[in-house]
């Protein structure tokens, strides 16, 4: 795990019985640390089966992540509110590529959007330029979205995702605070990024107004993925104190 991961997340992993090996928050460092752990385990017990479980760049992981889109699409349809737009966060791209694949297979007309912090916007830059750009020295409170997209996930994102937008850390905190106060749900900063896009991204709002103007209903049903709740309560209170409510309505992202 990156040494910048939240203490709560590390404690939770240890609580499930895992041994945490920390490294600096770069893709190469993670790969090197994982390889070193695997080699050490195999050397200690050559008969033990040691297998690396990729966090995102694996077709099995992507397929598993895609099931959340299947359930969300089905539930929205059963409620009589079929989705027109689905927003998911993007870091390594396992969730976003899986969501996009499942969505386009089941409901091709649904617009799939990736959500990313401006301080770790490699997916946005890669998507815009259509050329892979790695995550270099990312700086954001959304620590679950620091990694670069993968060799498998990036091409899938290019093919099946309709747009990627970014939001600032302040906007992420505002969205997170909104969920805590109004929905009574404990979500981490990374999970708040898709909602922050819907609330604050100027580019997203403009695209939605354009789509709604040509839609038969005149309004759009938007599905938002909340992806995790690893958060330190003492840190959250400090984050919420950093913002004031008087600027809620006049903050737009990119």
Protein backbone atom coordinates (compact mmCIF):
# COMPACT_ATOMS: atom_id res chain seq x y z
CA UNK A 1 0.00 0.00 0.00
CA UNK A 2 1.24 3.55 -0.63
CA UNK A 3 2.63 5.17 2.49
CA UNK A 4 0.21 8.04 1.91
CA UNK A 5 -2.86 5.80 2.30
CA UNK A 6 -5.11 6.77 5.19
CA UNK A 7 -4.34 5.15 8.56
CA UNK A 8 -7.95 3.93 8.68
CA UNK A 9 -7.51 2.07 5.40
CA UNK A 10 -4.28 0.46 6.57
CA UNK A 11 -5.84 -0.52 9.90
CA UNK A 12 -8.82 -2.06 8.10
CA UNK A 13 -6.55 -4.17 5.89
CA UNK A 14 -4.60 -5.37 8.92
CA UNK A 15 -7.89 -6.06 10.69
CA UNK A 16 -8.82 -8.51 7.94
CA UNK A 17 -5.62 -10.42 8.68
CA UNK A 18 -3.36 -9.07 5.96
CA UNK A 19 0.26 -7.95 6.33
CA UNK A 20 0.73 -4.42 4.97
CA UNK A 21 3.88 -3.56 3.05
CA UNK A 22 4.19 0.15 2.44
CA UNK A 23 5.86 1.91 -0.49
CA UNK A 24 6.03 5.37 -2.02
CA UNK A 25 2.91 6.31 -4.03
CA UNK A 26 4.10 5.53 -7.56
CA UNK A 27 3.10 2.72 -9.90
CA UNK A 28 6.68 1.46 -10.25
CA UNK A 29 7.16 1.40 -6.47
CA UNK A 30 3.97 -0.61 -6.02
CA UNK A 31 4.98 -3.13 -8.66
CA UNK A 32 8.50 -3.45 -7.21
CA UNK A 33 7.15 -3.89 -3.66
CA UNK A 34 4.64 -6.53 -4.77
CA UNK A 35 7.34 -8.44 -6.67
CA UNK A 36 9.65 -8.36 -3.64
CA UNK A 37 6.90 -9.73 -1.36
CA UNK A 38 6.09 -12.53 -3.80
CA UNK A 39 9.74 -13.52 -4.19
CA UNK A 40 10.21 -13.54 -0.41
CA UNK A 41 7.14 -15.72 0.17
CA UNK A 42 8.16 -18.20 -2.52
CA UNK A 43 11.68 -18.39 -1.15
CA UNK A 44 10.42 -19.17 2.34
CA UNK A 45 8.10 -21.92 1.15
CA UNK A 46 8.66 -23.08 -2.47
CA UNK A 47 5.55 -25.30 -2.32
CA UNK A 48 3.25 -22.49 -1.30
CA UNK A 49 1.14 -21.05 -4.10
CA UNK A 50 1.62 -17.30 -4.19
CA UNK A 51 -0.50 -15.38 -6.67
CA UNK A 52 -0.64 -11.66 -7.35
CA UNK A 53 -4.18 -10.25 -7.40
CA UNK A 54 -4.14 -7.12 -9.58
CA UNK A 55 -6.02 -4.12 -8.19
CA UNK A 56 -7.46 -3.10 -11.56
CA UNK A 57 -5.58 -4.11 -14.72
CA UNK A 58 -7.01 -7.61 -15.12
CA UNK A 59 -10.02 -8.82 -17.08
CA UNK A 60 -11.39 -10.68 -14.05
CA UNK A 61 -11.24 -7.55 -11.90
CA UNK A 62 -12.81 -5.47 -14.68
CA UNK A 63 -15.62 -8.00 -15.12
CA UNK A 64 -16.30 -8.03 -11.40
CA UNK A 65 -16.44 -4.24 -11.24
CA UNK A 66 -18.84 -4.24 -14.16
CA UNK A 67 -21.47 -6.06 -12.11
CA UNK A 68 -22.18 -2.88 -10.16
CA UNK A 69 -23.34 -1.24 -13.40
CA UNK A 70 -25.56 -4.24 -14.17
CA UNK A 71 -27.25 -3.93 -10.76
CA UNK A 72 -27.56 -0.14 -10.95
CA UNK A 73 -29.10 -0.24 -14.42
CA UNK A 74 -31.56 -2.95 -13.34
CA UNK A 75 -32.57 -1.18 -10.14
CA UNK A 76 -33.06 2.15 -11.90
CA UNK A 77 -35.22 0.46 -14.54
CA UNK A 78 -37.31 -1.32 -11.90
CA UNK A 79 -37.93 2.02 -10.19
CA UNK A 80 -39.20 3.45 -13.46
CA UNK A 81 -36.16 5.74 -13.70
CA UNK A 82 -33.97 4.24 -16.44
CA UNK A 83 -30.54 5.81 -16.46
CA UNK A 84 -29.40 8.25 -19.10
CA UNK A 85 -26.00 8.95 -17.53
CA UNK A 86 -23.71 6.96 -15.23
CA UNK A 87 -20.73 8.54 -13.43
CA UNK A 88 -17.93 6.44 -11.89
CA UNK A 89 -14.55 7.41 -10.41
CA UNK A 90 -11.33 6.63 -12.23
CA UNK A 91 -7.88 5.85 -10.85
CA UNK A 92 -6.41 2.70 -12.33
CA UNK A 93 -9.53 2.32 -14.44
CA UNK A 94 -10.76 -1.11 -13.37
CA UNK A 95 -14.09 0.18 -12.14
CA UNK A 96 -14.64 2.71 -14.93
CA UNK A 97 -13.75 0.28 -17.73
CA UNK A 98 -15.92 -2.45 -16.20
CA UNK A 99 -18.83 -0.06 -15.71
CA UNK A 100 -18.46 1.20 -19.28
CA UNK A 101 -18.29 -2.28 -20.79
CA UNK A 102 -21.37 -3.49 -18.94
CA UNK A 103 -23.33 -0.32 -19.58
CA UNK A 104 -22.64 -0.15 -23.30
CA UNK A 105 -23.51 -3.85 -23.65
CA UNK A 106 -26.85 -3.52 -21.85
CA UNK A 107 -27.82 0.10 -22.56
CA UNK A 108 -25.70 1.53 -25.38
CA UNK A 109 -27.37 4.94 -25.24
CA UNK A 110 -26.40 5.58 -21.61
CA UNK A 111 -23.63 8.17 -21.37
CA UNK A 112 -20.70 6.87 -19.28
CA UNK A 113 -18.61 9.50 -17.50
CA UNK A 114 -15.32 9.19 -15.62
CA UNK A 115 -14.71 11.36 -12.54
CA UNK A 116 -11.22 12.37 -11.46
CA UNK A 117 -9.49 14.89 -9.12
CA UNK A 118 -7.63 17.74 -10.81
CA UNK A 119 -4.61 16.86 -8.66
CA UNK A 120 -4.44 13.38 -10.20
CA UNK A 121 -5.82 14.00 -13.67
CA UNK A 122 -3.77 11.55 -15.73
CA UNK A 123 -6.86 9.73 -17.02
CA UNK A 124 -8.41 13.02 -18.12
CA UNK A 125 -5.22 14.04 -19.90
CA UNK A 126 -4.80 10.61 -21.46
CA UNK A 127 -8.44 10.53 -22.59
CA UNK A 128 -8.24 14.04 -24.05
CA UNK A 129 -5.00 13.41 -25.93
CA UNK A 130 -5.92 9.80 -26.80
CA UNK A 131 -2.40 8.92 -25.63
CA UNK A 132 -1.47 7.28 -22.34
CA UNK A 133 -0.04 9.70 -19.79
CA UNK A 134 1.13 8.32 -16.44
CA UNK A 135 0.24 9.65 -13.03
CA UNK A 136 3.29 11.58 -11.80
CA UNK A 137 3.42 12.98 -8.26
CA UNK A 138 -0.37 13.17 -7.80
CA UNK A 139 -1.62 15.45 -5.03
CA UNK A 140 -5.21 15.05 -3.89
CA UNK A 141 -7.23 14.06 -0.86
CA UNK A 142 -8.83 11.35 -3.02
CA UNK A 143 -6.11 8.82 -2.23
CA UNK A 144 -7.99 5.95 -3.87
CA UNK A 145 -7.54 7.55 -7.30
CA UNK A 146 -3.78 8.08 -7.46
CA UNK A 147 -2.75 5.32 -9.85
CA UNK A 148 -2.36 5.45 -13.63
CA UNK A 149 -4.70 3.61 -15.95
CA UNK A 150 -3.44 0.21 -17.11
CA UNK A 151 -2.51 -1.50 -20.35
CA UNK A 152 -5.93 -3.19 -20.40
CA UNK A 153 -8.09 -0.51 -18.82
CA UNK A 154 -6.93 2.50 -20.83
CA UNK A 155 -7.90 1.13 -24.29
CA UNK A 156 -11.27 0.05 -22.86
CA UNK A 157 -11.84 3.52 -21.48
CA UNK A 158 -10.96 5.11 -24.81
CA UNK A 159 -13.42 2.84 -26.61
CA UNK A 160 -16.38 2.79 -24.23
CA UNK A 161 -16.29 5.93 -22.04
CA UNK A 162 -17.97 9.08 -23.36
CA UNK A 163 -16.22 11.74 -21.27
CA UNK A 164 -13.99 12.36 -18.26
CA UNK A 165 -14.24 15.47 -16.09
CA UNK A 166 -12.22 16.73 -13.12
CA UNK A 167 -12.95 18.56 -9.88
CA UNK A 168 -10.84 20.26 -7.22
CA UNK A 169 -10.22 18.94 -3.72
CA UNK A 170 -12.45 21.68 -2.29
CA UNK A 171 -15.30 20.57 -4.53
CA UNK A 172 -14.72 16.95 -3.49
CA UNK A 173 -14.92 17.93 0.19
CA UNK A 174 -18.14 19.85 -0.45
CA UNK A 175 -19.73 16.86 -2.19
CA UNK A 176 -18.57 14.54 0.59
CA UNK A 177 -20.00 16.87 3.26
CA UNK A 178 -23.30 17.00 1.37
CA UNK A 179 -23.58 13.20 1.40
CA UNK A 180 -22.68 12.94 5.08
CA UNK A 181 -25.20 15.59 6.11
CA UNK A 182 -28.10 14.90 3.74
CA UNK A 183 -27.84 11.17 3.01
CA UNK A 184 -26.26 10.08 6.31
CA UNK A 185 -23.75 7.90 4.44
CA UNK A 186 -20.08 7.55 5.35
CA UNK A 187 -18.09 7.93 2.15
CA UNK A 188 -14.42 8.70 1.59
CA UNK A 189 -13.13 11.57 -0.60
CA UNK A 190 -12.53 9.27 -3.58
CA UNK A 191 -16.16 8.15 -3.46
CA UNK A 192 -17.37 11.75 -3.51
CA UNK A 193 -15.67 12.63 -6.80
CA UNK A 194 -18.53 11.49 -9.10
CA UNK A 195 -21.06 13.55 -7.13
CA UNK A 196 -18.69 16.52 -7.20
CA UNK A 197 -18.66 16.26 -10.99
CA UNK A 198 -22.47 16.41 -11.10
CA UNK A 199 -22.58 19.34 -8.68
CA UNK A 200 -19.66 21.48 -9.80
CA UNK A 201 -18.19 20.58 -13.19
CA UNK A 202 -19.03 23.29 -15.70
CA UNK A 203 -18.21 21.00 -18.61
CA UNK A 204 -20.47 18.26 -17.30
CA UNK A 205 -23.35 20.65 -16.68
CA UNK A 206 -23.07 22.08 -20.19
CA UNK A 207 -23.08 18.59 -21.70
CA UNK A 208 -26.13 17.61 -19.62
CA UNK A 209 -28.08 20.71 -20.63
CA UNK A 210 -27.35 19.92 -24.26
CA UNK A 211 -28.43 16.29 -23.89
CA UNK A 212 -31.56 17.18 -21.95
CA UNK A 213 -32.64 19.70 -24.60
CA UNK A 214 -32.95 16.89 -27.14
CA UNK A 215 -34.28 14.22 -24.77
CA UNK A 216 -37.90 13.13 -24.99
CA UNK A 217 -38.44 13.64 -21.24
CA UNK A 218 -36.57 16.93 -21.12
CA UNK A 219 -34.73 15.75 -18.01
CA UNK A 220 -32.03 13.15 -17.41
CA UNK A 221 -31.69 10.35 -14.87
CA UNK A 222 -28.12 10.30 -13.57
CA UNK A 223 -26.60 7.34 -11.71
CA UNK A 224 -23.64 8.04 -9.40
CA UNK A 225 -21.26 5.43 -8.00
CA UNK A 226 -20.11 5.82 -4.37
CA UNK A 227 -17.02 3.62 -4.24
CA UNK A 228 -15.75 3.43 -0.67
CA UNK A 229 -15.87 4.53 2.96
CA UNK A 230 -12.29 4.32 4.24
CA UNK A 231 -12.02 7.55 6.17
CA UNK A 232 -10.58 8.80 9.45
CA UNK A 233 -13.33 10.62 11.35
CA UNK A 234 -10.85 13.02 12.98
CA UNK A 235 -9.53 13.98 9.55
CA UNK A 236 -13.03 14.43 8.14
CA UNK A 237 -13.95 17.02 10.75
CA UNK A 238 -10.87 19.04 9.81
CA UNK A 239 -11.71 18.80 6.12
CA UNK A 240 -15.26 20.02 6.72
CA UNK A 241 -13.95 22.94 8.79
CA UNK A 242 -11.84 24.05 5.81
CA UNK A 243 -14.88 25.00 3.76
CA UNK A 244 -17.72 27.41 4.30
CA UNK A 245 -21.25 27.11 2.98
CA UNK A 246 -21.41 30.65 1.56
CA UNK A 247 -19.57 29.67 -1.64
CA UNK A 248 -21.61 26.51 -2.32
CA UNK A 249 -23.43 27.80 -5.41
CA UNK A 250 -20.65 29.65 -7.20
CA UNK A 251 -17.98 26.98 -7.58
CA UNK A 252 -17.61 25.39 -10.99
CA UNK A 253 -15.06 22.78 -12.06
CA UNK A 254 -13.67 22.13 -15.52
